[in-house]
Protein backbone atom coordinates (compact mmCIF):
# COMPACT_ATOMS: atom_id res chain seq x y z
CA UNK A 1 -78.68 -107.74 171.75
CA UNK A 2 -80.74 -106.18 174.77
CA UNK A 3 -78.59 -106.79 177.43
CA UNK A 4 -75.73 -105.55 175.59
CA UNK A 5 -76.88 -102.85 173.63
CA UNK A 6 -78.46 -101.61 177.78
CA UNK A 7 -74.79 -101.57 178.99
CA UNK A 8 -73.19 -99.44 175.71
CA UNK A 9 -75.81 -97.19 176.44
CA UNK A 10 -75.03 -97.15 179.70
CA UNK A 11 -71.26 -96.84 179.58
CA UNK A 12 -71.85 -93.76 176.36
CA UNK A 13 -73.24 -92.04 179.00
CA UNK A 14 -71.05 -90.74 181.53
CA UNK A 15 -69.25 -89.39 177.86
CA UNK A 16 -72.26 -87.55 177.05
CA UNK A 17 -73.00 -85.77 180.16
CA UNK A 18 -68.89 -85.00 179.73
CA UNK A 19 -69.57 -82.42 177.09
CA UNK A 20 -68.58 -78.79 177.86
CA UNK A 21 -72.17 -77.10 178.65
CA UNK A 22 -73.25 -74.45 175.78
CA UNK A 23 -72.08 -70.19 176.16
CA UNK A 24 -75.03 -68.29 178.07
CA UNK A 25 -76.27 -65.97 174.97
CA UNK A 26 -74.74 -62.43 174.85
CA UNK A 27 -76.90 -59.88 176.52
CA UNK A 28 -79.70 -58.72 173.92
CA UNK A 29 -81.21 -55.63 174.59
CA UNK A 30 -83.82 -55.64 171.68
CA UNK A 31 -85.43 -58.62 173.21
CA UNK A 32 -86.35 -56.54 176.45
CA UNK A 33 -86.96 -53.54 174.83
CA UNK A 34 -89.79 -55.82 172.94
CA UNK A 35 -90.86 -57.14 176.70
CA UNK A 36 -91.28 -53.95 178.53
CA UNK A 37 -92.81 -52.47 175.18
CA UNK A 38 -95.36 -55.73 175.01
CA UNK A 39 -95.35 -54.78 179.17
CA UNK A 40 -96.79 -51.01 178.41
CA UNK A 41 -99.08 -52.15 176.00
CA UNK A 42 -101.09 -54.62 178.37
CA UNK A 43 -100.98 -51.59 181.05
CA UNK A 44 -102.52 -49.17 178.47
CA UNK A 45 -105.16 -51.94 177.36
CA UNK A 46 -106.30 -52.01 181.03
CA UNK A 47 -106.15 -48.76 182.09
CA UNK A 48 -108.14 -47.87 178.51
CA UNK A 49 -110.52 -50.70 179.75
CA UNK A 50 -110.60 -49.33 183.92
CA UNK A 51 -111.45 -45.54 182.04
CA UNK A 52 -113.84 -46.89 179.96
CA UNK A 53 -115.68 -48.84 183.15
CA UNK A 54 -115.78 -45.39 185.92
CA UNK A 55 -117.18 -43.54 182.77
CA UNK A 56 -119.85 -45.38 181.86
CA UNK A 57 -120.63 -46.02 185.46
CA UNK A 58 -120.21 -42.32 186.22
CA UNK A 59 -122.65 -41.42 183.42
CA UNK A 60 -125.67 -43.32 184.63
CA UNK A 61 -128.54 -41.74 186.90
CA UNK A 62 -127.90 -41.62 190.52
CA UNK A 63 -130.71 -44.14 190.90
CA UNK A 64 -128.89 -47.21 188.96
CA UNK A 65 -125.81 -47.60 190.46
CA UNK A 66 -126.59 -48.56 192.74
CA UNK A 67 -128.31 -51.29 190.43
CA UNK A 68 -125.33 -51.27 188.88
CA UNK A 69 -123.51 -51.76 192.15
CA UNK A 70 -125.52 -54.69 193.09
CA UNK A 71 -125.70 -56.56 189.83
CA UNK A 72 -121.35 -56.54 190.00
CA UNK A 73 -122.03 -58.56 193.67
CA UNK A 74 -124.22 -60.99 192.28
CA UNK A 75 -122.41 -60.95 189.36
CA UNK A 76 -119.00 -62.50 191.34
CA UNK A 77 -120.87 -63.98 194.08
CA UNK A 78 -124.56 -65.12 192.75
CA UNK A 79 -122.38 -68.63 191.62
CA UNK A 80 -120.91 -69.37 195.49
CA UNK A 81 -124.34 -68.59 197.36
CA UNK A 82 -126.42 -71.04 194.54
CA UNK A 83 -124.19 -73.62 194.95
CA UNK A 84 -124.80 -73.03 198.96
CA UNK A 85 -128.63 -73.05 198.75
CA UNK A 86 -128.24 -76.42 196.65
CA UNK A 87 -126.18 -77.99 199.10
CA UNK A 88 -128.61 -76.33 202.05
CA UNK A 89 -130.68 -77.62 200.38
CA UNK A 90 -129.62 -81.20 200.71
CA UNK A 91 -129.49 -80.55 204.42
CA UNK A 92 -126.12 -81.77 204.84
CA UNK A 93 -123.65 -79.36 206.37
CA UNK A 94 -120.79 -81.30 205.39
CA UNK A 95 -119.25 -79.89 201.87
CA UNK A 96 -119.79 -76.22 203.95
CA UNK A 97 -117.84 -77.90 206.68
CA UNK A 98 -115.18 -79.30 204.57
CA UNK A 99 -115.24 -76.14 202.41
CA UNK A 100 -114.86 -73.97 205.26
CA UNK A 101 -111.54 -76.04 206.02
CA UNK A 102 -113.16 -77.42 208.60
CA UNK A 103 -112.59 -81.93 207.09
CA UNK A 104 -115.80 -83.47 208.09
CA UNK A 105 -115.29 -85.64 205.77
CA UNK A 106 -119.20 -87.10 206.56
CA UNK A 107 -122.44 -86.43 205.99
CA UNK A 108 -123.61 -83.76 208.40
CA UNK A 109 -127.39 -83.57 208.03
CA UNK A 110 -129.60 -81.09 209.23
CA UNK A 111 -132.67 -82.42 211.27
CA UNK A 112 -134.94 -80.64 213.81
CA UNK A 113 -133.30 -80.74 217.21
CA UNK A 114 -129.59 -79.81 215.29
CA UNK A 115 -130.53 -77.12 213.87
CA UNK A 116 -132.48 -75.55 216.73
CA UNK A 117 -128.94 -76.67 218.30
CA UNK A 118 -127.60 -74.63 215.89
CA UNK A 119 -129.89 -71.09 215.55
CA UNK A 120 -129.91 -71.06 219.55
CA UNK A 121 -129.31 -68.14 221.73
CA UNK A 122 -126.97 -69.46 224.40
CA UNK A 123 -127.91 -68.00 227.94
CA UNK A 124 -125.18 -66.78 230.39
CA UNK A 125 -124.49 -68.95 233.04
CA UNK A 126 -125.19 -68.70 236.34
CA UNK A 127 -122.97 -66.38 238.88
CA UNK A 128 -120.94 -65.13 235.39
CA UNK A 129 -121.53 -61.47 234.28
CA UNK A 130 -121.16 -59.96 231.41
CA UNK A 131 -117.81 -57.85 230.03
CA UNK A 132 -119.43 -54.43 227.91
CA UNK A 133 -115.53 -53.52 227.68
CA UNK A 134 -112.61 -54.93 225.34
CA UNK A 135 -110.29 -56.35 226.53
CA UNK A 136 -108.01 -56.68 223.76
CA UNK A 137 -109.48 -53.57 222.50
CA UNK A 138 -106.37 -51.39 220.87
CA UNK A 139 -105.00 -48.71 223.15
CA UNK A 140 -105.93 -45.30 222.18
CA UNK A 141 -102.60 -43.27 222.34
CA UNK A 142 -102.19 -39.46 223.62
CA UNK A 143 -101.02 -38.09 221.01
CA UNK A 144 -104.09 -36.21 220.07
CA UNK A 145 -104.36 -34.68 223.27
CA UNK A 146 -100.57 -33.28 223.05
CA UNK A 147 -100.78 -32.14 219.66
CA UNK A 148 -103.42 -29.57 220.97
CA UNK A 149 -102.00 -28.79 224.14
CA UNK A 150 -98.76 -27.89 222.80
CA UNK A 151 -100.49 -26.25 220.37
CA UNK A 152 -102.48 -24.07 222.97
CA UNK A 153 -98.92 -23.17 224.36
CA UNK A 154 -97.61 -21.94 221.18
CA UNK A 155 -100.29 -19.52 220.34
CA UNK A 156 -100.70 -18.22 223.84
CA UNK A 157 -96.76 -17.77 223.54
CA UNK A 158 -97.05 -16.51 219.96
CA UNK A 159 -100.28 -14.20 221.68
CA UNK A 160 -98.22 -12.77 224.29
CA UNK A 161 -94.58 -12.18 222.12
CA UNK A 162 -96.66 -9.94 219.58
CA UNK A 163 -98.30 -8.13 222.47
CA UNK A 164 -101.84 -9.31 222.34
CA UNK A 165 -102.60 -10.45 226.09
CA UNK A 166 -100.66 -7.33 227.31
CA UNK A 167 -104.11 -5.49 227.96
CA UNK A 168 -105.07 -8.86 230.42
CA UNK A 169 -101.91 -9.12 232.03
CA UNK A 170 -101.46 -5.41 233.43
């Protein structure tokens, strides 16, 4: 019965697959109106919440505003700082390097010489010189200078046309 039942199912499968697909449902404007109403309600709720937060923040005394900003920063980045502190307390850089995409996949224990190498200030090699200009800095466009020059020429021409320069020109 097992083999006969399986072959019957296999033979019946193409017949079931050949059945015509159901016709697509007609366009229902009421469904889309409900979706747009829900989106409007959500945006209104978000706007109301943001307005309440901003008005409460602006209602605080000036000395409390930096404390609220500091508290928000600690609320957002505090858990990750706590986890980093716990990992560094184990003196193992491996998980931190893995989290930053370095794929170390091993224990990178920090001993005294390794920690000194990580915190040491590099010395300039002999014969090298420091370049204090950035070769990759964005080039400044001279459009401000050109605009000032055009406006100055336009002002001189306008003053000449109005006769303000006649007493200086003779």
